PDB file of N, CA and C in Angstrom:
ATOM      1  N   UNK A   1     138.696  85.805  88.183  1.00  0.00           N
ATOM      2  CA  UNK A   1     138.024  85.483  89.159  1.00  0.00           C
ATOM      3  C   UNK A   1     136.645  85.068  88.262  1.00  0.00           C
ATOM      4  N   UNK A   2     136.059  86.519  88.942  1.00  0.00           N
ATOM      5  CA  UNK A   2     134.816  86.116  88.668  1.00  0.00           C
ATOM      6  C   UNK A   2     134.487  85.502  87.059  1.00  0.00           C
ATOM      7  N   UNK A   3     135.430  86.392  86.165  1.00  0.00           N
ATOM      8  CA  UNK A   3     134.652  85.872  84.487  1.00  0.00           C
ATOM      9  C   UNK A   3     134.768  84.036  85.133  1.00  0.00           C
ATOM     10  N   UNK A   4     135.738  83.551  85.432  1.00  0.00           N
ATOM     11  CA  UNK A   4     135.685  81.852  85.881  1.00  0.00           C
ATOM     12  C   UNK A   4     134.736  81.131  86.290  1.00  0.00           C
ATOM     13  N   UNK A   5     134.561  81.734  87.428  1.00  0.00           N
ATOM     14  CA  UNK A   5     133.319  81.749  87.991  1.00  0.00           C
ATOM     15  C   UNK A   5     131.834  81.390  86.855  1.00  0.00           C
ATOM     16  N   UNK A   6     131.517  82.624  86.124  1.00  0.00           N
ATOM     17  CA  UNK A   6     129.961  82.956  85.290  1.00  0.00           C
ATOM     18  C   UNK A   6     130.874  81.954  84.496  1.00  0.00           C
ATOM     19  N   UNK A   7     132.065  81.553  83.629  1.00  0.00           N
ATOM     20  CA  UNK A   7     132.359  80.352  82.634  1.00  0.00           C
ATOM     21  C   UNK A   7     131.916  79.200  83.287  1.00  0.00           C
ATOM     22  N   UNK A   8     132.251  78.503  84.779  1.00  0.00           N
ATOM     23  CA  UNK A   8     131.906  77.727  85.275  1.00  0.00           C
ATOM     24  C   UNK A   8     130.358  77.285  85.378  1.00  0.00           C
ATOM     25  N   UNK A   9     129.389  78.449  84.951  1.00  0.00           N
ATOM     26  CA  UNK A   9     128.041  78.009  85.048  1.00  0.00           C
ATOM     27  C   UNK A   9     127.522  77.515  83.787  1.00  0.00           C
ATOM     28  N   UNK A  10     128.435  78.468  83.487  1.00  0.00           N
ATOM     29  CA  UNK A  10     127.900  78.442  81.762  1.00  0.00           C
ATOM     30  C   UNK A  10     128.075  77.447  81.077  1.00  0.00           C
ATOM     31  N   UNK A  11     129.525  76.110  81.369  1.00  0.00           N
ATOM     32  CA  UNK A  11     129.628  75.476  80.754  1.00  0.00           C
ATOM     33  C   UNK A  11     128.615  74.469  81.693  1.00  0.00           C
ATOM     34  N   UNK A  12     128.433  74.425  83.115  1.00  0.00           N
ATOM     35  CA  UNK A  12     127.492  72.975  83.630  1.00  0.00           C
ATOM     36  C   UNK A  12     125.904  73.136  83.050  1.00  0.00           C
ATOM     37  N   UNK A  13     125.641  74.253  83.328  1.00  0.00           N
ATOM     38  CA  UNK A  13     124.228  74.221  82.308  1.00  0.00           C
ATOM     39  C   UNK A  13     123.991  73.975  81.479  1.00  0.00           C
ATOM     40  N   UNK A  14     125.205  74.103  80.584  1.00  0.00           N
ATOM     41  CA  UNK A  14     125.310  74.075  79.183  1.00  0.00           C
ATOM     42  C   UNK A  14     125.437  72.332  78.803  1.00  0.00           C
ATOM     43  N   UNK A  15     126.070  71.932  79.506  1.00  0.00           N
ATOM     44  CA  UNK A  15     126.138  70.261  79.729  1.00  0.00           C
ATOM     45  C   UNK A  15     125.523  69.590  80.307  1.00  0.00           C
ATOM     46  N   UNK A  16     124.480  70.213  81.723  1.00  0.00           N
ATOM     47  CA  UNK A  16     123.219  69.190  81.797  1.00  0.00           C
ATOM     48  C   UNK A  16     122.002  69.641  81.007  1.00  0.00           C
ATOM     49  N   UNK A  17     121.648  70.635  79.820  1.00  0.00           N
ATOM     50  CA  UNK A  17     121.072  71.141  78.771  1.00  0.00           C
ATOM     51  C   UNK A  17     121.062  69.779  77.779  1.00  0.00           C
ATOM     52  N   UNK A  18     122.481  69.444  77.633  1.00  0.00           N
ATOM     53  CA  UNK A  18     123.366  68.426  76.584  1.00  0.00           C
ATOM     54  C   UNK A  18     122.795  67.094  76.861  1.00  0.00           C
ATOM     55  N   UNK A  19     123.708  67.161  77.965  1.00  0.00           N
ATOM     56  CA  UNK A  19     122.715  65.747  79.196  1.00  0.00           C
ATOM     57  C   UNK A  19     121.150  65.041  78.995  1.00  0.00           C
ATOM     58  N   UNK A  20     120.626  66.208  79.214  1.00  0.00           N
ATOM     59  CA  UNK A  20     119.138  65.986  79.424  1.00  0.00           C
ATOM     60  C   UNK A  20     118.315  66.136  77.550  1.00  0.00           C
ATOM     61  N   UNK A  21     118.977  66.785  76.961  1.00  0.00           N
ATOM     62  CA  UNK A  21     118.423  66.580  75.694  1.00  0.00           C
ATOM     63  C   UNK A  21     118.805  65.262  74.855  1.00  0.00           C
ATOM     64  N   UNK A  22     119.720  64.369  75.216  1.00  0.00           N
ATOM     65  CA  UNK A  22     120.169  62.994  74.981  1.00  0.00           C
ATOM     66  C   UNK A  22     119.142  62.248  76.008  1.00  0.00           C
ATOM     67  N   UNK A  23     119.304  62.476  77.557  1.00  0.00           N
ATOM     68  CA  UNK A  23     117.583  61.671  78.426  1.00  0.00           C
ATOM     69  C   UNK A  23     116.721  61.697  77.245  1.00  0.00           C
ATOM     70  N   UNK A  24     116.392  62.845  76.968  1.00  0.00           N
ATOM     71  CA  UNK A  24     114.754  62.921  76.398  1.00  0.00           C
ATOM     72  C   UNK A  24     114.770  62.254  75.323  1.00  0.00           C
ATOM     73  N   UNK A  25     115.669  62.282  74.616  1.00  0.00           N
ATOM     74  CA  UNK A  25     115.131  61.493  72.554  1.00  0.00           C
ATOM     75  C   UNK A  25     115.339  60.089  73.125  1.00  0.00           C
ATOM     76  N   UNK A  26     116.470  60.066  73.895  1.00  0.00           N
ATOM     77  CA  UNK A  26     116.632  58.174  74.048  1.00  0.00           C
ATOM     78  C   UNK A  26     115.615  57.666  74.782  1.00  0.00           C
ATOM     79  N   UNK A  27     114.799  58.722  75.774  1.00  0.00           N
ATOM     80  CA  UNK A  27     112.904  58.317  76.101  1.00  0.00           C
ATOM     81  C   UNK A  27     112.299  57.900  74.893  1.00  0.00           C
ATOM     82  N   UNK A  28     111.977  58.857  74.081  1.00  0.00           N
ATOM     83  CA  UNK A  28     111.249  59.297  73.683  1.00  0.00           C
ATOM     84  C   UNK A  28     111.466  58.437  71.809  1.00  0.00           C
ATOM     85  N   UNK A  29     112.470  58.016  71.828  1.00  0.00           N
ATOM     86  CA  UNK A  29     112.672  56.682  70.580  1.00  0.00           C
ATOM     87  C   UNK A  29     112.772  55.338  71.292  1.00  0.00           C
ATOM     88  N   UNK A  30     112.555  55.144  72.626  1.00  0.00           N
ATOM     89  CA  UNK A  30     112.982  53.771  73.003  1.00  0.00           C
ATOM     90  C   UNK A  30     111.958  52.682  71.655  1.00  0.00           C
ATOM     91  N   UNK A  31     110.642  52.811  73.018  1.00  0.00           N
ATOM     92  CA  UNK A  31     109.309  52.076  71.746  1.00  0.00           C
ATOM     93  C   UNK A  31     109.345  52.125  70.106  1.00  0.00           C
ATOM     94  N   UNK A  32     109.819  52.779  69.567  1.00  0.00           N
ATOM     95  CA  UNK A  32     110.659  52.572  68.251  1.00  0.00           C
ATOM     96  C   UNK A  32     110.816  52.037  67.865  1.00  0.00           C
ATOM     97  N   UNK A  33     110.883  51.495  66.487  1.00  0.00           N
ATOM     98  CA  UNK A  33     111.759  49.742  66.117  1.00  0.00           C
ATOM     99  C   UNK A  33     112.855  50.467  64.750  1.00  0.00           C
ATOM    100  N   UNK A  34     113.405  49.833  64.501  1.00  0.00           N
ATOM    101  CA  UNK A  34     114.169  50.292  62.385  1.00  0.00           C
ATOM    102  C   UNK A  34     115.130  49.307  62.020  1.00  0.00           C
ATOM    103  N   UNK A  35     115.066  49.185  60.476  1.00  0.00           N
ATOM    104  CA  UNK A  35     116.483  48.052  60.117  1.00  0.00           C
ATOM    105  C   UNK A  35     117.241  48.043  60.548  1.00  0.00           C
ATOM    106  N   UNK A  36     118.390  47.546  60.614  1.00  0.00           N
ATOM    107  CA  UNK A  36     119.434  47.893  61.590  1.00  0.00           C
ATOM    108  C   UNK A  36     119.935  46.234  60.633  1.00  0.00           C
ATOM    109  N   UNK A  37     121.469  46.826  59.793  1.00  0.00           N
ATOM    110  CA  UNK A  37     122.129  45.875  59.163  1.00  0.00           C
ATOM    111  C   UNK A  37     123.031  45.642  59.857  1.00  0.00           C
ATOM    112  N   UNK A  38     123.530  44.782  59.747  1.00  0.00           N
ATOM    113  CA  UNK A  38     124.723  44.594  61.095  1.00  0.00           C
ATOM    114  C   UNK A  38     125.025  42.960  59.775  1.00  0.00           C
ATOM    115  N   UNK A  39     126.540  43.648  59.903  1.00  0.00           N
ATOM    116  CA  UNK A  39     127.331  42.573  58.361  1.00  0.00           C
ATOM    117  C   UNK A  39     126.708  41.850  57.359  1.00  0.00           C
ATOM    118  N   UNK A  40     125.274  42.129  56.310  1.00  0.00           N
ATOM    119  CA  UNK A  40     124.449  42.247  55.875  1.00  0.00           C
ATOM    120  C   UNK A  40     123.447  42.093  55.997  1.00  0.00           C
ATOM    121  N   UNK A  41     122.898  41.250  57.352  1.00  0.00           N
ATOM    122  CA  UNK A  41     122.148  40.720  57.702  1.00  0.00           C
ATOM    123  C   UNK A  41     120.869  41.587  58.523  1.00  0.00           C
ATOM    124  N   UNK A  42     119.703  42.121  57.829  1.00  0.00           N
ATOM    125  CA  UNK A  42     119.030  42.883  57.940  1.00  0.00           C
ATOM    126  C   UNK A  42     118.132  41.929  58.749  1.00  0.00           C
ATOM    127  N   UNK A  43     118.131  43.381  60.000  1.00  0.00           N
ATOM    128  CA  UNK A  43     117.406  42.944  61.465  1.00  0.00           C
ATOM    129  C   UNK A  43     116.486  44.201  62.192  1.00  0.00           C
ATOM    130  N   UNK A  44     115.523  43.453  63.142  1.00  0.00           N
ATOM    131  CA  UNK A  44     114.697  45.118  63.561  1.00  0.00           C
ATOM    132  C   UNK A  44     115.375  45.604  64.774  1.00  0.00           C
ATOM    133  N   UNK A  45     115.482  45.799  65.241  1.00  0.00           N
ATOM    134  CA  UNK A  45     116.031  46.907  66.863  1.00  0.00           C
ATOM    135  C   UNK A  45     115.123  48.387  66.835  1.00  0.00           C
ATOM    136  N   UNK A  46     115.830  47.850  68.479  1.00  0.00           N
ATOM    137  CA  UNK A  46     115.256  48.758  69.082  1.00  0.00           C
ATOM    138  C   UNK A  46     115.810  50.351  68.471  1.00  0.00           C
ATOM    139  N   UNK A  47     115.258  51.436  68.210  1.00  0.00           N
ATOM    140  CA  UNK A  47     115.765  52.966  67.948  1.00  0.00           C
ATOM    141  C   UNK A  47     116.260  53.884  69.227  1.00  0.00           C
ATOM    142  N   UNK A  48     116.341  53.501  70.265  1.00  0.00           N
ATOM    143  CA  UNK A  48     116.847  53.910  71.581  1.00  0.00           C
ATOM    144  C   UNK A  48     117.741  53.134  72.103  1.00  0.00           C
ATOM    145  N   UNK A  49     117.743  51.653  71.572  1.00  0.00           N
ATOM    146  CA  UNK A  49     119.600  50.472  71.655  1.00  0.00           C
ATOM    147  C   UNK A  49     120.068  50.946  71.047  1.00  0.00           C
ATOM    148  N   UNK A  50     119.773  51.616  68.963  1.00  0.00           N
ATOM    149  CA  UNK A  50     120.338  51.593  68.452  1.00  0.00           C
ATOM    150  C   UNK A  50     121.562  53.547  68.746  1.00  0.00           C
ATOM    151  N   UNK A  51     121.094  54.097  69.494  1.00  0.00           N
ATOM    152  CA  UNK A  51     121.047  55.006  70.151  1.00  0.00           C
ATOM    153  C   UNK A  51     122.427  55.391  71.201  1.00  0.00           C
ATOM    154  N   UNK A  52     121.392  54.547  72.151  1.00  0.00           N
ATOM    155  CA  UNK A  52     122.530  54.207  73.503  1.00  0.00           C
ATOM    156  C   UNK A  52     124.002  53.040  72.670  1.00  0.00           C
ATOM    157  N   UNK A  53     123.937  52.378  71.947  1.00  0.00           N
ATOM    158  CA  UNK A  53     125.272  51.943  71.408  1.00  0.00           C
ATOM    159  C   UNK A  53     126.375  52.792  70.737  1.00  0.00           C
ATOM    160  N   UNK A  54     125.401  53.828  70.115  1.00  0.00           N
ATOM    161  CA  UNK A  54     126.474  55.011  69.393  1.00  0.00           C
ATOM    162  C   UNK A  54     126.698  55.755  70.295  1.00  0.00           C
ATOM    163  N   UNK A  55     125.847  56.239  71.282  1.00  0.00           N
ATOM    164  CA  UNK A  55     126.427  56.962  72.309  1.00  0.00           C
ATOM    165  C   UNK A  55     127.364  56.565  73.100  1.00  0.00           C
ATOM    166  N   UNK A  56     127.645  54.553  73.181  1.00  0.00           N
ATOM    167  CA  UNK A  56     128.771  54.407  73.832  1.00  0.00           C
ATOM    168  C   UNK A  56     130.207  53.975  72.782  1.00  0.00           C
ATOM    169  N   UNK A  57     130.211  54.191  71.658  1.00  0.00           N
ATOM    170  CA  UNK A  57     130.664  53.927  70.866  1.00  0.00           C
ATOM    171  C   UNK A  57     131.172  55.614  70.468  1.00  0.00           C
ATOM    172  N   UNK A  58     130.772  56.242  70.322  1.00  0.00           N
ATOM    173  CA  UNK A  58     131.276  57.470  70.684  1.00  0.00           C
ATOM    174  C   UNK A  58     132.413  57.824  71.734  1.00  0.00           C
ATOM    175  N   UNK A  59     131.943  57.212  72.708  1.00  0.00           N
ATOM    176  CA  UNK A  59     133.129  57.638  73.849  1.00  0.00           C
ATOM    177  C   UNK A  59     134.163  56.870  74.022  1.00  0.00           C
ATOM    178  N   UNK A  60     133.510  55.712  73.200  1.00  0.00           N
ATOM    179  CA  UNK A  60     134.672  53.822  73.317  1.00  0.00           C
ATOM    180  C   UNK A  60     136.168  54.382  72.767  1.00  0.00           C
ATOM    181  N   UNK A  61     135.906  54.558  71.019  1.00  0.00           N
ATOM    182  CA  UNK A  61     136.581  55.085  70.149  1.00  0.00           C
ATOM    183  C   UNK A  61     137.492  55.806  69.879  1.00  0.00           C
ATOM    184  N   UNK A  62     137.432  57.141  70.603  1.00  0.00           N
ATOM    185  CA  UNK A  62     138.131  58.088  70.510  1.00  0.00           C
ATOM    186  C   UNK A  62     139.554  57.267  71.912  1.00  0.00           C
ATOM    187  N   UNK A  63     138.997  56.749  72.727  1.00  0.00           N
ATOM    188  CA  UNK A  63     139.941  55.563  73.544  1.00  0.00           C
ATOM    189  C   UNK A  63     140.683  54.524  72.513  1.00  0.00           C
ATOM    190  N   UNK A  64     139.953  54.144  72.136  1.00  0.00           N
ATOM    191  CA  UNK A  64     140.703  52.617  71.400  1.00  0.00           C
ATOM    192  C   UNK A  64     141.810  53.414  70.470  1.00  0.00           C
ATOM    193  N   UNK A  65     141.680  54.451  69.826  1.00  0.00           N
ATOM    194  CA  UNK A  65     142.894  54.848  68.576  1.00  0.00           C
ATOM    195  C   UNK A  65     143.770  55.671  69.960  1.00  0.00           C
ATOM    196  N   UNK A  66     143.572  56.341  71.180  1.00  0.00           N
ATOM    197  CA  UNK A  66     144.785  56.541  71.808  1.00  0.00           C
ATOM    198  C   UNK A  66     145.483  55.354  72.213  1.00  0.00           C
ATOM    199  N   UNK A  67     144.113  53.928  72.430  1.00  0.00           N
ATOM    200  CA  UNK A  67     145.434  52.854  73.076  1.00  0.00           C
ATOM    201  C   UNK A  67     146.766  52.501  71.597  1.00  0.00           C
ATOM    202  N   UNK A  68     146.243  52.899  70.801  1.00  0.00           N
ATOM    203  CA  UNK A  68     146.271  51.952  69.707  1.00  0.00           C
ATOM    204  C   UNK A  68     147.603  52.940  69.673  1.00  0.00           C
ATOM    205  N   UNK A  69     148.050  54.221  69.267  1.00  0.00           N
ATOM    206  CA  UNK A  69     148.873  54.537  69.039  1.00  0.00           C
ATOM    207  C   UNK A  69     149.769  55.191  69.597  1.00  0.00           C
ATOM    208  N   UNK A  70     149.793  54.568  70.925  1.00  0.00           N
ATOM    209  CA  UNK A  70     150.876  54.530  72.391  1.00  0.00           C
ATOM    210  C   UNK A  70     150.710  53.057  71.883  1.00  0.00           C
ATOM    211  N   UNK A  71     150.896  51.657  71.674  1.00  0.00           N
ATOM    212  CA  UNK A  71     150.936  51.030  70.814  1.00  0.00           C
ATOM    213  C   UNK A  71     152.123  50.327  70.052  1.00  0.00           C
ATOM    214  N   UNK A  72     151.906  51.417  69.196  1.00  0.00           N
ATOM    215  CA  UNK A  72     152.495  52.070  67.695  1.00  0.00           C
ATOM    216  C   UNK A  72     153.622  53.101  68.107  1.00  0.00           C
ATOM    217  N   UNK A  73     153.428  53.877  69.097  1.00  0.00           N
ATOM    218  CA  UNK A  73     154.603  54.490  69.682  1.00  0.00           C
ATOM    219  C   UNK A  73     155.767  53.391  70.132  1.00  0.00           C
ATOM    220  N   UNK A  74     155.441  52.341  71.321  1.00  0.00           N
ATOM    221  CA  UNK A  74     156.147  51.879  72.106  1.00  0.00           C
ATOM    222  C   UNK A  74     157.093  50.457  70.596  1.00  0.00           C
ATOM    223  N   UNK A  75     156.381  50.332  69.505  1.00  0.00           N
ATOM    224  CA  UNK A  75     156.360  49.767  68.593  1.00  0.00           C
ATOM    225  C   UNK A  75     158.281  50.133  68.176  1.00  0.00           C
ATOM    226  N   UNK A  76     158.186  51.955  67.988  1.00  0.00           N
ATOM    227  CA  UNK A  76     158.760  52.556  66.881  1.00  0.00           C
ATOM    228  C   UNK A  76     159.947  52.773  67.880  1.00  0.00           C
ATOM    229  N   UNK A  77     159.469  52.699  69.042  1.00  0.00           N
ATOM    230  CA  UNK A  77     161.074  52.825  70.206  1.00  0.00           C
ATOM    231  C   UNK A  77     161.799  51.567  70.364  1.00  0.00           C
ATOM    232  N   UNK A  78     160.791  50.439  70.340  1.00  0.00           N
ATOM    233  CA  UNK A  78     161.627  49.326  70.177  1.00  0.00           C
ATOM    234  C   UNK A  78     162.916  49.219  69.478  1.00  0.00           C
ATOM    235  N   UNK A  79     162.249  49.590  67.928  1.00  0.00           N
ATOM    236  CA  UNK A  79     163.021  49.471  66.287  1.00  0.00           C
ATOM    237  C   UNK A  79     164.216  49.667  66.362  1.00  0.00           C
ATOM    238  N   UNK A  80     164.042  51.446  66.897  1.00  0.00           N
ATOM    239  CA  UNK A  80     164.765  52.066  67.459  1.00  0.00           C
ATOM    240  C   UNK A  80     165.990  51.619  68.245  1.00  0.00           C
ATOM    241  N   UNK A  81     165.315  51.365  69.559  1.00  0.00           N
ATOM    242  CA  UNK A  81     166.821  50.578  70.772  1.00  0.00           C
ATOM    243  C   UNK A  81     167.314  49.202  69.821  1.00  0.00           C
ATOM    244  N   UNK A  82     166.329  49.094  68.970  1.00  0.00           N
ATOM    245  CA  UNK A  82     166.863  47.657  68.492  1.00  0.00           C
ATOM    246  C   UNK A  82     167.874  47.754  67.672  1.00  0.00           C
ATOM    247  N   UNK A  83     167.760  48.619  66.647  1.00  0.00           N
ATOM    248  CA  UNK A  83     168.853  49.345  65.531  1.00  0.00           C
ATOM    249  C   UNK A  83     170.041  49.558  65.863  1.00  0.00           C
ATOM    250  N   UNK A  84     169.950  50.028  67.371  1.00  0.00           N
ATOM    251  CA  UNK A  84     171.103  50.746  67.451  1.00  0.00           C
ATOM    252  C   UNK A  84     172.227  49.490  68.499  1.00  0.00           C
ATOM    253  N   UNK A  85     171.213  48.189  68.547  1.00  0.00           N
ATOM    254  CA  UNK A  85     172.082  46.968  69.374  1.00  0.00           C
ATOM    255  C   UNK A  85     173.505  46.572  68.170  1.00  0.00           C
TER     256      UNK A  85
END
């Protein structure tokens, strides 16, 4: 029981420090600009915005893959049921 409590504290503190480091990086980079190529067109964007969009994409992409694989599984299930008829 004590080991689980210590593990919980370690995970909470580590997670908090990682979030704090990410927020600090975002805050320090917000005023800087960078060149970004979007479908061949070069545009100048805020570096903080690029970091923020990357974080959102990093959270969103695994969820989209999960939805895609669930869709593929449903298609395969329907094909098997159709072949039985």
